[in-house]
Amino acid sequence: MNQVIDPATRATAARLERELTAPVDICLPSGRLNPAAVGWSRRPLHRANLQGWGRNKRFEYWCIVARDFIVTANISHHDYRANVASTFIDLKSGHTISKRQNRWFPPAGTLSGHDPSAAMEASAEGITVRLAPIRNGTQIRVDNASVHVDLQVTEEPGRESMGVLVPWSERLFQYTRKNNCLPVEGSVWVDGVERRVRRGEAYAIHDHGRGRWPYSTWWNWAAGSGVTDGHEIGLQFGGKWTAGTPSTENALRIDGRLHKISQELTWTYDRSNWMAPWRIQGDRVELTFTPSIYHHHFFNRYVISARGDQCFGNFDGEIVSDAGKTLRVRSVFGLAEEVHRKW
């Protein structure tokens, strides 16, 4: 058994994290980290004025969970390499269709700007992903040989989500915004057969990132959306990559309100059996994640590599709100992963 109980992410005492309430630039005019940007927010306040070339990382990742399938859409731009990808997973049969392509030394592209009103699009051999702002939301379109996606995600004005700036140093840092419990509707066509997504029957999870990363990075990420005992619950947890920094990406979303968790959590899982139950624990989190689907990807060009082990399944257990109220979590569907990148 290769069970992971990472000392670097073992549950620790809560740290003091600053809540930001006004817009702020991520970078100083020199291109280095703006100390005033370190903190978290309930709404997107960080302006990604990244400068230079070679270490910047920009990405948009969407995961849509419907009753019987999952579909993802991803655009990422790493200065010298861009990636466009989408995966479809049938939750009943496990049938998976995955398409991901790299473009080397791509043009700057639409991810380089920070205009929230601009559409983002990327194409590579056999696949196109387009993310376009619409009234109160985002339209997601994916086109490849087997899968076509046309979905509309609703984000009502004033919605709370978790944005946080994680600093490794004055030169290396990452801003991420995690947004879950997003209503979605539209259609997904798989091999010409339409699968209708009706509002109220599916959730979207959005991971937005802008920053400048170290060469080698490990992380855990878990997220989920669902309803237990009449409460809409969003789960957002991370590990490894925030250890040793003044920030975490841990938060709960309960009935539309964000509850920040400023504590590194303990992640326990088995690398020799990714389908075995995972545990995520802390002072305000006691959850078991039971996988039902496992997805692996691996890319290796020696100097540059990417490995991901991602599971989808159900979260069960208990969480505690800011006010100290304990809430049950029952069969909240979501994902948990371990990823290693060298770039």
C-alpha atoms as a PDB file:
ATOM      1  CA  MET A   1       0.000   0.000   0.000  1.00  0.00           C
ATOM      2  CA  ASN A   2       1.284   3.450  -0.957  1.00  0.00           C
ATOM      3  CA  GLN A   3      -0.856   5.473   1.397  1.00  0.00           C
ATOM      4  CA  VAL A   4      -0.276   9.213   1.470  1.00  0.00           C
ATOM      5  CA  ILE A   5      -0.524  11.185   4.691  1.00  0.00           C
ATOM      6  CA  ASP A   6       1.540  14.163   3.641  1.00  0.00           C
ATOM      7  CA  PRO A   7       3.273  15.859   6.614  1.00  0.00           C
ATOM      8  CA  ALA A   8       3.381  19.089   4.624  1.00  0.00           C
ATOM      9  CA  THR A   9      -0.409  19.172   4.500  1.00  0.00           C
ATOM     10  CA  ARG A  10      -1.220  17.649   7.867  1.00  0.00           C
ATOM     11  CA  ALA A  11      -3.961  19.655   9.570  1.00  0.00           C
ATOM     12  CA  THR A  12      -2.414  22.641  11.342  1.00  0.00           C
ATOM     13  CA  ALA A  13      -3.698  25.541  13.380  1.00  0.00           C
ATOM     14  CA  ALA A  14      -5.558  28.172  11.394  1.00  0.00           C
ATOM     15  CA  ARG A  15      -3.387  31.023  10.148  1.00  0.00           C
ATOM     16  CA  LEU A  16      -4.394  34.656   9.811  1.00  0.00           C
ATOM     17  CA  GLU A  17      -5.474  35.404   6.253  1.00  0.00           C
ATOM     18  CA  ARG A  18      -6.413  38.895   5.133  1.00  0.00           C
ATOM     19  CA  GLU A  19      -9.764  39.363   3.403  1.00  0.00           C
ATOM     20  CA  LEU A  20      -9.501  41.803   0.506  1.00  0.00           C
ATOM     21  CA  THR A  21     -12.437  44.083  -0.265  1.00  0.00           C
ATOM     22  CA  ALA A  22     -11.086  46.346  -3.033  1.00  0.00           C
ATOM     23  CA  PRO A  23      -9.542  45.674  -6.458  1.00  0.00           C
ATOM     24  CA  VAL A  24      -5.772  45.161  -6.512  1.00  0.00           C
ATOM     25  CA  ASP A  25      -3.053  44.457  -9.089  1.00  0.00           C
ATOM     26  CA  ILE A  26      -1.198  41.170  -8.668  1.00  0.00           C
ATOM     27  CA  CYS A  27       2.116  42.666  -9.820  1.00  0.00           C
ATOM     28  CA  LEU A  28       4.096  45.795  -9.071  1.00  0.00           C
ATOM     29  CA  PRO A  29       5.390  47.847 -12.043  1.00  0.00           C
ATOM     30  CA  SER A  30       8.621  45.809 -11.772  1.00  0.00           C
ATOM     31  CA  GLY A  31       6.654  42.611 -12.455  1.00  0.00           C
ATOM     32  CA  ARG A  32       7.258  41.263  -8.975  1.00  0.00           C
ATOM     33  CA  LEU A  33       4.520  40.332  -6.531  1.00  0.00           C
ATOM     34  CA  ASN A  34       2.482  43.184  -5.100  1.00  0.00           C
ATOM     35  CA  PRO A  35       2.396  42.485  -1.322  1.00  0.00           C
ATOM     36  CA  ALA A  36      -1.000  44.188  -1.124  1.00  0.00           C
ATOM     37  CA  ALA A  37      -2.439  41.399  -3.316  1.00  0.00           C
ATOM     38  CA  VAL A  38      -1.731  38.639  -0.783  1.00  0.00           C
ATOM     39  CA  GLY A  39      -5.059  37.620   0.695  1.00  0.00           C
ATOM     40  CA  TRP A  40      -8.451  36.208  -0.234  1.00  0.00           C
ATOM     41  CA  SER A  41     -11.724  37.650  -1.461  1.00  0.00           C
ATOM     42  CA  ARG A  42     -15.379  36.716  -1.837  1.00  0.00           C
ATOM     43  CA  ARG A  43     -15.535  38.231  -5.319  1.00  0.00           C
ATOM     44  CA  PRO A  44     -12.962  38.505  -8.129  1.00  0.00           C
ATOM     45  CA  LEU A  45     -10.842  41.530  -7.161  1.00  0.00           C
ATOM     46  CA  HIS A  46      -7.329  40.579  -8.339  1.00  0.00           C
ATOM     47  CA  ARG A  47      -6.171  42.123 -11.621  1.00  0.00           C
ATOM     48  CA  ALA A  48      -3.765  39.783 -13.400  1.00  0.00           C
ATOM     49  CA  ASN A  49      -1.257  42.285 -14.775  1.00  0.00           C
ATOM     50  CA  LEU A  50       1.420  39.634 -15.364  1.00  0.00           C
ATOM     51  CA  GLN A  51       4.559  40.786 -17.147  1.00  0.00           C
ATOM     52  CA  GLY A  52       7.539  39.167 -18.834  1.00  0.00           C
ATOM     53  CA  TRP A  53       7.737  35.813 -20.614  1.00  0.00           C
ATOM     54  CA  GLY A  54       8.715  32.259 -19.763  1.00  0.00           C
ATOM     55  CA  ARG A  55       7.257  31.490 -16.324  1.00  0.00           C
ATOM     56  CA  ASN A  56       3.729  32.864 -16.532  1.00  0.00           C
ATOM     57  CA  LYS A  57       0.840  30.437 -16.287  1.00  0.00           C
ATOM     58  CA  ARG A  58      -2.743  31.276 -17.205  1.00  0.00           C
ATOM     59  CA  PHE A  59      -5.607  28.795 -17.306  1.00  0.00           C
ATOM     60  CA  GLU A  60      -9.366  28.278 -17.338  1.00  0.00           C
ATOM     61  CA  TYR A  61     -10.760  24.878 -16.313  1.00  0.00           C
ATOM     62  CA  TRP A  62     -14.449  24.009 -16.291  1.00  0.00           C
ATOM     63  CA  CYS A  63     -15.993  20.779 -15.010  1.00  0.00           C
ATOM     64  CA  ILE A  64     -19.708  20.189 -15.586  1.00  0.00           C
ATOM     65  CA  VAL A  65     -21.350  17.384 -13.638  1.00  0.00           C
ATOM     66  CA  ALA A  66     -24.740  16.204 -14.890  1.00  0.00           C
ATOM     67  CA  ARG A  67     -26.798  13.248 -13.676  1.00  0.00           C
ATOM     68  CA  ASP A  68     -25.199  10.689 -15.969  1.00  0.00           C
ATOM     69  CA  PHE A  69     -22.028  12.278 -17.341  1.00  0.00           C
ATOM     70  CA  ILE A  70     -19.146  14.676 -16.775  1.00  0.00           C
ATOM     71  CA  VAL A  71     -17.632  16.993 -19.350  1.00  0.00           C
ATOM     72  CA  THR A  72     -14.612  19.238 -18.904  1.00  0.00           C
ATOM     73  CA  ALA A  73     -13.171  22.124 -20.930  1.00  0.00           C
ATOM     74  CA  ASN A  74      -9.698  23.548 -20.429  1.00  0.00           C
ATOM     75  CA  ILE A  75      -7.541  26.270 -21.944  1.00  0.00           C
ATOM     76  CA  SER A  76      -4.083  26.912 -20.505  1.00  0.00           C
ATOM     77  CA  HIS A  77      -1.235  29.121 -21.679  1.00  0.00           C
ATOM     78  CA  HIS A  78       2.288  28.751 -20.275  1.00  0.00           C
ATOM     79  CA  ASP A  79       4.114  31.319 -22.463  1.00  0.00           C
ATOM     80  CA  TYR A  80       6.082  28.760 -24.488  1.00  0.00           C
ATOM     81  CA  ARG A  81       3.324  26.119 -24.529  1.00  0.00           C
ATOM     82  CA  ALA A  82      -0.448  26.228 -24.749  1.00  0.00           C
ATOM     83  CA  ASN A  83      -2.833  23.366 -24.058  1.00  0.00           C
ATOM     84  CA  VAL A  84      -6.438  22.888 -25.093  1.00  0.00           C
ATOM     85  CA  ALA A  85      -8.357  19.908 -23.749  1.00  0.00           C
ATOM     86  CA  SER A  86     -11.735  18.358 -23.062  1.00  0.00           C
ATOM     87  CA  THR A  87     -12.859  15.086 -21.490  1.00  0.00           C
ATOM     88  CA  PHE A  88     -16.258  13.392 -21.543  1.00  0.00           C
ATOM     89  CA  ILE A  89     -16.995  10.605 -19.033  1.00  0.00           C
ATOM     90  CA  ASP A  90     -20.184   8.537 -18.999  1.00  0.00           C
ATOM     91  CA  LEU A  91     -20.946   7.948 -15.309  1.00  0.00           C
ATOM     92  CA  LYS A  92     -22.929   4.770 -15.968  1.00  0.00           C
ATOM     93  CA  SER A  93     -20.580   2.916 -18.307  1.00  0.00           C
ATOM     94  CA  GLY A  94     -17.306   4.663 -17.504  1.00  0.00           C
ATOM     95  CA  HIS A  95     -16.756   5.281 -21.224  1.00  0.00           C
ATOM     96  CA  THR A  96     -14.276   8.132 -21.615  1.00  0.00           C
ATOM     97  CA  ILE A  97     -13.442  10.360 -24.570  1.00  0.00           C
ATOM     98  CA  SER A  98     -10.441  12.578 -23.925  1.00  0.00           C
ATOM     99  CA  LYS A  99      -8.823  15.015 -26.320  1.00  0.00           C
ATOM    100  CA  ARG A 100      -5.858  17.223 -25.393  1.00  0.00           C
ATOM    101  CA  GLN A 101      -3.359  18.932 -27.640  1.00  0.00           C
ATOM    102  CA  ASN A 102      -0.326  21.148 -27.110  1.00  0.00           C
ATOM    103  CA  ARG A 103       0.837  24.082 -29.187  1.00  0.00           C
ATOM    104  CA  TRP A 104       4.486  25.032 -28.826  1.00  0.00           C
ATOM    105  CA  PHE A 105       5.522  28.691 -28.814  1.00  0.00           C
ATOM    106  CA  PRO A 106       1.952  29.879 -29.365  1.00  0.00           C
ATOM    107  CA  PRO A 107       0.881  33.504 -29.854  1.00  0.00           C
ATOM    108  CA  ALA A 108       0.008  35.436 -26.699  1.00  0.00           C
ATOM    109  CA  GLY A 109      -3.669  34.535 -27.071  1.00  0.00           C
ATOM    110  CA  THR A 110      -6.763  35.749 -25.318  1.00  0.00           C
ATOM    111  CA  LEU A 111      -5.739  34.488 -21.854  1.00  0.00           C
ATOM    112  CA  SER A 112      -2.983  37.099 -21.674  1.00  0.00           C
ATOM    113  CA  GLY A 113      -5.386  39.956 -21.047  1.00  0.00           C
ATOM    114  CA  HIS A 114      -7.516  40.516 -17.971  1.00  0.00           C
ATOM    115  CA  ASP A 115     -10.603  42.005 -19.614  1.00  0.00           C
ATOM    116  CA  PRO A 116     -13.541  40.046 -18.138  1.00  0.00           C
ATOM    117  CA  SER A 117     -15.721  41.036 -21.107  1.00  0.00           C
ATOM    118  CA  ALA A 118     -13.442  39.344 -23.659  1.00  0.00           C
ATOM    119  CA  ALA A 119     -14.042  35.846 -25.007  1.00  0.00           C
ATOM    120  CA  MET A 120     -11.266  33.263 -24.657  1.00  0.00           C
ATOM    121  CA  GLU A 121     -10.643  30.708 -27.387  1.00  0.00           C
ATOM    122  CA  ALA A 122      -7.943  28.181 -28.212  1.00  0.00           C
ATOM    123  CA  SER A 123      -7.587  25.664 -31.031  1.00  0.00           C
ATOM    124  CA  ALA A 124      -5.159  22.862 -31.741  1.00  0.00           C
ATOM    125  CA  GLU A 125      -5.270  19.860 -34.019  1.00  0.00           C
ATOM    126  CA  GLY A 126      -8.797  18.457 -33.861  1.00  0.00           C
ATOM    127  CA  ILE A 127     -10.152  20.516 -30.957  1.00  0.00           C
ATOM    128  CA  THR A 128     -11.469  24.022 -30.226  1.00  0.00           C
ATOM    129  CA  VAL A 129     -12.566  25.400 -26.857  1.00  0.00           C
ATOM    130  CA  ARG A 130     -14.318  28.766 -26.608  1.00  0.00           C
ATOM    131  CA  LEU A 131     -15.344  30.492 -23.372  1.00  0.00           C
ATOM    132  CA  ALA A 132     -17.463  33.574 -23.968  1.00  0.00           C
ATOM    133  CA  PRO A 133     -19.076  35.935 -21.451  1.00  0.00           C
ATOM    134  CA  ILE A 134     -22.844  36.194 -21.728  1.00  0.00           C
ATOM    135  CA  ARG A 135     -25.351  38.042 -19.595  1.00  0.00           C
ATOM    136  CA  ASN A 136     -24.891  36.763 -16.019  1.00  0.00           C
ATOM    137  CA  GLY A 137     -22.602  33.942 -16.992  1.00  0.00           C
ATOM    138  CA  THR A 138     -20.400  32.111 -19.470  1.00  0.00           C
ATOM    139  CA  GLN A 139     -21.044  30.135 -22.627  1.00  0.00           C
ATOM    140  CA  ILE A 140     -18.846  27.044 -22.992  1.00  0.00           C
ATOM    141  CA  ARG A 141     -18.322  25.563 -26.430  1.00  0.00           C
ATOM    142  CA  VAL A 142     -16.172  22.575 -27.317  1.00  0.00           C
ATOM    143  CA  ASP A 143     -15.773  21.023 -30.745  1.00  0.00           C
ATOM    144  CA  ASN A 144     -13.835  17.885 -31.595  1.00  0.00           C
ATOM    145  CA  ALA A 145     -14.480  14.818 -33.720  1.00  0.00           C
ATOM    146  CA  SER A 146     -16.650  13.046 -31.136  1.00  0.00           C
ATOM    147  CA  VAL A 147     -17.891  15.623 -28.659  1.00  0.00           C
ATOM    148  CA  HIS A 148     -19.658  18.951 -29.160  1.00  0.00           C
ATOM    149  CA  VAL A 149     -20.573  21.103 -26.178  1.00  0.00           C
ATOM    150  CA  ASP A 150     -22.863  24.132 -26.014  1.00  0.00           C
ATOM    151  CA  LEU A 151     -23.574  25.007 -22.384  1.00  0.00           C
ATOM    152  CA  GLN A 152     -24.558  28.188 -20.569  1.00  0.00           C
ATOM    153  CA  VAL A 153     -23.370  28.677 -16.991  1.00  0.00           C
ATOM    154  CA  THR A 154     -25.221  31.202 -14.828  1.00  0.00           C
ATOM    155  CA  GLU A 155     -23.365  33.397 -12.359  1.00  0.00           C
ATOM    156  CA  GLU A 156     -25.783  35.763 -10.703  1.00  0.00           C
ATOM    157  CA  PRO A 157     -24.574  39.286  -9.772  1.00  0.00           C
ATOM    158  CA  GLY A 158     -22.942  39.441  -6.336  1.00  0.00           C
ATOM    159  CA  ARG A 159     -22.294  35.691  -6.176  1.00  0.00           C
ATOM    160  CA  GLU A 160     -19.664  34.694  -3.618  1.00  0.00           C
ATOM    161  CA  SER A 161     -16.730  32.515  -4.638  1.00  0.00           C
ATOM    162  CA  MET A 162     -13.183  32.052  -3.341  1.00  0.00           C
ATOM    163  CA  GLY A 163     -10.306  34.038  -4.783  1.00  0.00           C
ATOM    164  CA  VAL A 164      -6.874  33.796  -3.149  1.00  0.00           C
ATOM    165  CA  LEU A 165      -3.322  34.926  -3.917  1.00  0.00           C
ATOM    166  CA  VAL A 166      -0.749  32.339  -2.826  1.00  0.00           C
ATOM    167  CA  PRO A 167       2.839  33.668  -2.633  1.00  0.00           C
ATOM    168  CA  TRP A 168       5.885  31.393  -2.873  1.00  0.00           C
ATOM    169  CA  SER A 169       8.230  34.367  -3.189  1.00  0.00           C
ATOM    170  CA  GLU A 170       8.284  37.892  -4.613  1.00  0.00           C
ATOM    171  CA  ARG A 171       8.940  36.347  -8.033  1.00  0.00           C
ATOM    172  CA  LEU A 172       6.697  33.257  -7.875  1.00  0.00           C
ATOM    173  CA  PHE A 173       3.021  33.386  -6.951  1.00  0.00           C
ATOM    174  CA  GLN A 174      -0.412  32.181  -8.030  1.00  0.00           C
ATOM    175  CA  TYR A 175      -3.873  33.717  -8.003  1.00  0.00           C
ATOM    176  CA  THR A 176      -6.723  31.247  -8.199  1.00  0.00           C
ATOM    177  CA  ARG A 177     -10.465  31.702  -8.146  1.00  0.00           C
ATOM    178  CA  LYS A 178     -12.539  28.628  -7.366  1.00  0.00           C
ATOM    179  CA  ASN A 179     -16.277  28.798  -8.045  1.00  0.00           C
ATOM    180  CA  ASN A 180     -18.710  25.910  -7.508  1.00  0.00           C
ATOM    181  CA  CYS A 181     -22.469  25.278  -7.275  1.00  0.00           C
ATOM    182  CA  LEU A 182     -22.906  27.083 -10.608  1.00  0.00           C
ATOM    183  CA  PRO A 183     -26.191  26.343 -12.441  1.00  0.00           C
ATOM    184  CA  VAL A 184     -25.754  25.137 -16.012  1.00  0.00           C
ATOM    185  CA  GLU A 185     -27.963  24.239 -18.968  1.00  0.00           C
ATOM    186  CA  GLY A 186     -27.614  23.425 -22.654  1.00  0.00           C
ATOM    187  CA  SER A 187     -26.605  20.394 -24.686  1.00  0.00           C
ATOM    188  CA  VAL A 188     -23.721  17.988 -25.159  1.00  0.00           C
ATOM    189  CA  TRP A 189     -23.533  15.837 -28.298  1.00  0.00           C
ATOM    190  CA  VAL A 190     -21.511  12.620 -28.133  1.00  0.00           C
ATOM    191  CA  ASP A 191     -21.057  10.764 -31.425  1.00  0.00           C
ATOM    192  CA  GLY A 192     -24.051  12.681 -32.774  1.00  0.00           C
ATOM    193  CA  VAL A 193     -26.405  11.838 -29.874  1.00  0.00           C
ATOM    194  CA  GLU A 194     -27.687  14.830 -27.887  1.00  0.00           C
ATOM    195  CA  ARG A 195     -27.621  14.796 -24.088  1.00  0.00           C
ATOM    196  CA  ARG A 196     -29.729  17.621 -22.763  1.00  0.00           C
ATOM    197  CA  VAL A 197     -28.578  19.439 -19.611  1.00  0.00           C
ATOM    198  CA  ARG A 198     -31.492  21.070 -17.809  1.00  0.00           C
ATOM    199  CA  ARG A 199     -31.122  23.808 -15.225  1.00  0.00           C
ATOM    200  CA  GLY A 200     -31.345  22.358 -11.722  1.00  0.00           C
ATOM    201  CA  GLU A 201     -30.001  18.979 -12.844  1.00  0.00           C
ATOM    202  CA  ALA A 202     -26.311  19.859 -13.169  1.00  0.00           C
ATOM    203  CA  TYR A 203     -23.570  21.947 -11.574  1.00  0.00           C
ATOM    204  CA  ALA A 204     -20.453  23.559 -12.989  1.00  0.00           C
ATOM    205  CA  ILE A 205     -17.135  24.045 -11.196  1.00  0.00           C
ATOM    206  CA  HIS A 206     -14.761  26.740 -12.458  1.00  0.00           C
ATOM    207  CA  ASP A 207     -11.026  26.982 -11.740  1.00  0.00           C
ATOM    208  CA  HIS A 208      -9.448  30.253 -12.917  1.00  0.00           C
ATOM    209  CA  GLY A 209      -5.706  30.765 -12.488  1.00  0.00           C
ATOM    210  CA  ARG A 210      -3.108  33.436 -13.219  1.00  0.00           C
ATOM    211  CA  GLY A 211       0.415  33.444 -11.848  1.00  0.00           C
ATOM    212  CA  ARG A 212       4.087  32.615 -12.141  1.00  0.00           C
ATOM    213  CA  TRP A 213       5.004  29.131 -10.977  1.00  0.00           C
ATOM    214  CA  PRO A 214       8.122  27.283  -9.853  1.00  0.00           C
ATOM    215  CA  TYR A 215       9.529  24.599 -12.157  1.00  0.00           C
ATOM    216  CA  SER A 216       8.130  21.635 -10.173  1.00  0.00           C
ATOM    217  CA  THR A 217       4.748  21.785  -8.442  1.00  0.00           C
ATOM    218  CA  TRP A 218       2.646  19.179  -6.644  1.00  0.00           C
ATOM    219  CA  TRP A 219      -0.942  19.745  -5.610  1.00  0.00           C
ATOM    220  CA  ASN A 220      -4.127  18.184  -4.312  1.00  0.00           C
ATOM    221  CA  TRP A 221      -7.481  19.607  -5.262  1.00  0.00           C
ATOM    222  CA  ALA A 222     -10.991  18.563  -4.264  1.00  0.00           C
ATOM    223  CA  ALA A 223     -14.279  20.224  -5.124  1.00  0.00           C
ATOM    224  CA  GLY A 224     -17.933  19.306  -4.983  1.00  0.00           C
ATOM    225  CA  SER A 225     -21.436  20.716  -5.320  1.00  0.00           C
ATOM    226  CA  GLY A 226     -24.723  19.359  -3.991  1.00  0.00           C
ATOM    227  CA  VAL A 227     -27.586  19.539  -1.529  1.00  0.00           C
ATOM    228  CA  THR A 228     -27.886  17.927   1.914  1.00  0.00           C
ATOM    229  CA  ASP A 229     -30.803  18.465   4.311  1.00  0.00           C
ATOM    230  CA  GLY A 230     -32.036  21.369   2.190  1.00  0.00           C
ATOM    231  CA  HIS A 231     -28.664  23.181   2.241  1.00  0.00           C
ATOM    232  CA  GLU A 232     -26.770  23.838  -0.969  1.00  0.00           C
ATOM    233  CA  ILE A 233     -23.166  22.923  -0.202  1.00  0.00           C
ATOM    234  CA  GLY A 234     -20.022  23.717  -2.162  1.00  0.00           C
ATOM    235  CA  LEU A 235     -16.730  22.126  -1.150  1.00  0.00           C
ATOM    236  CA  GLN A 236     -13.325  23.558  -2.107  1.00  0.00           C
ATOM    237  CA  PHE A 237     -10.059  22.157  -0.739  1.00  0.00           C
ATOM    238  CA  GLY A 238      -6.424  22.186  -1.786  1.00  0.00           C
ATOM    239  CA  GLY A 239      -3.143  20.881  -0.481  1.00  0.00           C
ATOM    240  CA  LYS A 240       0.615  20.554  -0.983  1.00  0.00           C
ATOM    241  CA  TRP A 241       1.158  23.649  -3.110  1.00  0.00           C
ATOM    242  CA  THR A 242       0.059  26.105  -0.402  1.00  0.00           C
ATOM    243  CA  ALA A 243       2.065  24.493   2.428  1.00  0.00           C
ATOM    244  CA  GLY A 244       4.567  26.946   3.923  1.00  0.00           C
ATOM    245  CA  THR A 245       2.765  30.001   2.542  1.00  0.00           C
ATOM    246  CA  PRO A 246       0.455  32.391   4.416  1.00  0.00           C
ATOM    247  CA  SER A 247      -2.507  31.297   2.256  1.00  0.00           C
ATOM    248  CA  THR A 248      -4.802  28.321   1.707  1.00  0.00           C
ATOM    249  CA  GLU A 249      -7.396  27.600  -0.969  1.00  0.00           C
ATOM    250  CA  ASN A 250      -9.791  25.919   1.466  1.00  0.00           C
ATOM    251  CA  ALA A 251     -13.381  27.120   1.701  1.00  0.00           C
ATOM    252  CA  LEU A 252     -16.991  26.067   2.106  1.00  0.00           C
ATOM    253  CA  ARG A 253     -19.949  27.545   0.264  1.00  0.00           C
ATOM    254  CA  ILE A 254     -23.150  27.131   2.273  1.00  0.00           C
ATOM    255  CA  ASP A 255     -26.440  28.424   0.843  1.00  0.00           C
ATOM    256  CA  GLY A 256     -24.566  30.968  -1.257  1.00  0.00           C
ATOM    257  CA  ARG A 257     -22.283  32.279   1.507  1.00  0.00           C
ATOM    258  CA  LEU A 258     -18.528  31.676   1.464  1.00  0.00           C
ATOM    259  CA  HIS A 259     -16.894  30.335   4.659  1.00  0.00           C
ATOM    260  CA  LYS A 260     -13.085  30.567   4.446  1.00  0.00           C
ATOM    261  CA  ILE A 261     -10.955  27.894   6.115  1.00  0.00           C
ATOM    262  CA  SER A 262      -7.481  29.237   6.910  1.00  0.00           C
ATOM    263  CA  GLN A 263      -5.992  25.881   7.857  1.00  0.00           C
ATOM    264  CA  GLU A 264      -4.024  23.263   5.937  1.00  0.00           C
ATOM    265  CA  LEU A 265      -6.038  20.047   5.924  1.00  0.00           C
ATOM    266  CA  THR A 266      -4.880  16.445   6.207  1.00  0.00           C
ATOM    267  CA  TRP A 267      -5.306  14.387   3.032  1.00  0.00           C
ATOM    268  CA  THR A 268      -5.154  10.601   3.322  1.00  0.00           C
ATOM    269  CA  TYR A 269      -5.354   8.389   0.224  1.00  0.00           C
ATOM    270  CA  ASP A 270      -3.716   5.374  -1.388  1.00  0.00           C
ATOM    271  CA  ARG A 271      -1.525   5.913  -4.478  1.00  0.00           C
ATOM    272  CA  SER A 272      -1.564   2.180  -5.192  1.00  0.00           C
ATOM    273  CA  ASN A 273      -5.368   2.178  -5.275  1.00  0.00           C
ATOM    274  CA  TRP A 274      -6.865   5.513  -6.334  1.00  0.00           C
ATOM    275  CA  MET A 275     -10.377   4.049  -6.051  1.00  0.00           C
ATOM    276  CA  ALA A 276      -9.997   3.443  -2.320  1.00  0.00           C
ATOM    277  CA  PRO A 277     -11.724   6.026  -0.096  1.00  0.00           C
ATOM    278  CA  TRP A 278      -9.918   9.334   0.529  1.00  0.00           C
ATOM    279  CA  ARG A 279     -10.147  11.303   3.771  1.00  0.00           C
ATOM    280  CA  ILE A 280      -9.907  15.079   4.140  1.00  0.00           C
ATOM    281  CA  GLN A 281      -9.739  16.306   7.728  1.00  0.00           C
ATOM    282  CA  GLY A 282      -9.306  19.465   9.767  1.00  0.00           C
ATOM    283  CA  ASP A 283     -10.892  21.370  12.623  1.00  0.00           C
ATOM    284  CA  ARG A 284     -13.927  22.179  10.458  1.00  0.00           C
ATOM    285  CA  VAL A 285     -13.832  19.341   7.941  1.00  0.00           C
ATOM    286  CA  GLU A 286     -14.344  15.602   8.444  1.00  0.00           C
ATOM    287  CA  LEU A 287     -15.060  14.076   5.062  1.00  0.00           C
ATOM    288  CA  THR A 288     -14.707  10.779   3.252  1.00  0.00           C
ATOM    289  CA  PHE A 289     -14.532  10.858  -0.528  1.00  0.00           C
ATOM    290  CA  THR A 290     -15.585   7.598  -2.219  1.00  0.00           C
ATOM    291  CA  PRO A 291     -14.512   7.426  -5.887  1.00  0.00           C
ATOM    292  CA  SER A 292     -16.649   5.885  -8.592  1.00  0.00           C
ATOM    293  CA  ILE A 293     -14.606   6.984 -11.641  1.00  0.00           C
ATOM    294  CA  TYR A 294     -10.820   7.213 -12.079  1.00  0.00           C
ATOM    295  CA  HIS A 295      -9.133   9.263 -14.808  1.00  0.00           C
ATOM    296  CA  HIS A 296      -5.374   9.370 -15.436  1.00  0.00           C
ATOM    297  CA  HIS A 297      -3.309  11.505 -17.767  1.00  0.00           C
ATOM    298  CA  PHE A 298       0.432  11.587 -18.341  1.00  0.00           C
ATOM    299  CA  PHE A 299       2.646  13.706 -20.578  1.00  0.00           C
ATOM    300  CA  ASN A 300       6.437  13.500 -20.492  1.00  0.00           C
ATOM    301  CA  ARG A 301       8.997  15.374 -22.543  1.00  0.00           C
ATOM    302  CA  TYR A 302      11.721  14.877 -19.915  1.00  0.00           C
ATOM    303  CA  VAL A 303      12.234  18.538 -18.985  1.00  0.00           C
ATOM    304  CA  ILE A 304       8.491  19.191 -19.240  1.00  0.00           C
ATOM    305  CA  SER A 305       6.006  16.724 -17.777  1.00  0.00           C
ATOM    306  CA  ALA A 306       2.463  16.506 -16.442  1.00  0.00           C
ATOM    307  CA  ARG A 307       0.894  13.704 -14.450  1.00  0.00           C
ATOM    308  CA  GLY A 308      -2.620  13.740 -13.043  1.00  0.00           C
ATOM    309  CA  ASP A 309      -4.630  11.166 -11.094  1.00  0.00           C
ATOM    310  CA  GLN A 310      -8.198  12.377 -10.809  1.00  0.00           C
ATOM    311  CA  CYS A 311     -11.216  10.672  -9.275  1.00  0.00           C
ATOM    312  CA  PHE A 312     -14.905  11.525  -9.329  1.00  0.00           C
ATOM    313  CA  GLY A 313     -17.247  10.383  -6.598  1.00  0.00           C
ATOM    314  CA  ASN A 314     -19.199  11.327  -3.479  1.00  0.00           C
ATOM    315  CA  PHE A 315     -18.276  13.278  -0.360  1.00  0.00           C
ATOM    316  CA  ASP A 316     -19.830  12.274   2.973  1.00  0.00           C
ATOM    317  CA  GLY A 317     -19.238  13.540   6.483  1.00  0.00           C
ATOM    318  CA  GLU A 318     -19.489  16.845   8.332  1.00  0.00           C
ATOM    319  CA  ILE A 319     -18.423  20.467   7.903  1.00  0.00           C
ATOM    320  CA  VAL A 320     -18.542  23.424  10.289  1.00  0.00           C
ATOM    321  CA  SER A 321     -19.645  26.938   9.302  1.00  0.00           C
ATOM    322  CA  ASP A 322     -18.055  30.216  10.388  1.00  0.00           C
ATOM    323  CA  ALA A 323     -20.690  30.442  13.107  1.00  0.00           C
ATOM    324  CA  GLY A 324     -19.713  27.019  14.476  1.00  0.00           C
ATOM    325  CA  LYS A 325     -22.760  25.177  13.142  1.00  0.00           C
ATOM    326  CA  THR A 326     -22.125  21.561  12.103  1.00  0.00           C
ATOM    327  CA  LEU A 327     -23.756  20.471   8.857  1.00  0.00           C
ATOM    328  CA  ARG A 328     -24.033  17.006   7.364  1.00  0.00           C
ATOM    329  CA  VAL A 329     -22.644  16.274   3.905  1.00  0.00           C
ATOM    330  CA  ARG A 330     -24.336  13.368   2.154  1.00  0.00           C
ATOM    331  CA  SER A 331     -23.540  12.160  -1.367  1.00  0.00           C
ATOM    332  CA  VAL A 332     -22.216  15.507  -2.591  1.00  0.00           C
ATOM    333  CA  PHE A 333     -20.681  14.661  -5.960  1.00  0.00           C
ATOM    334  CA  GLY A 334     -17.339  16.070  -6.984  1.00  0.00           C
ATOM    335  CA  LEU A 335     -13.692  15.388  -7.703  1.00  0.00           C
ATOM    336  CA  ALA A 336     -10.400  14.797  -5.901  1.00  0.00           C
ATOM    337  CA  GLU A 337      -6.972  14.690  -7.499  1.00  0.00           C
ATOM    338  CA  GLU A 338      -3.216  14.593  -7.121  1.00  0.00           C
ATOM    339  CA  VAL A 339      -1.220  16.350  -9.830  1.00  0.00           C
ATOM    340  CA  HIS A 340       2.483  16.907 -10.510  1.00  0.00           C
ATOM    341  CA  ARG A 341       3.738  19.411 -13.086  1.00  0.00           C
ATOM    342  CA  LYS A 342       7.227  20.232 -14.337  1.00  0.00           C
ATOM    343  CA  TRP A 343       7.357  23.083 -16.799  1.00  0.00           C
END
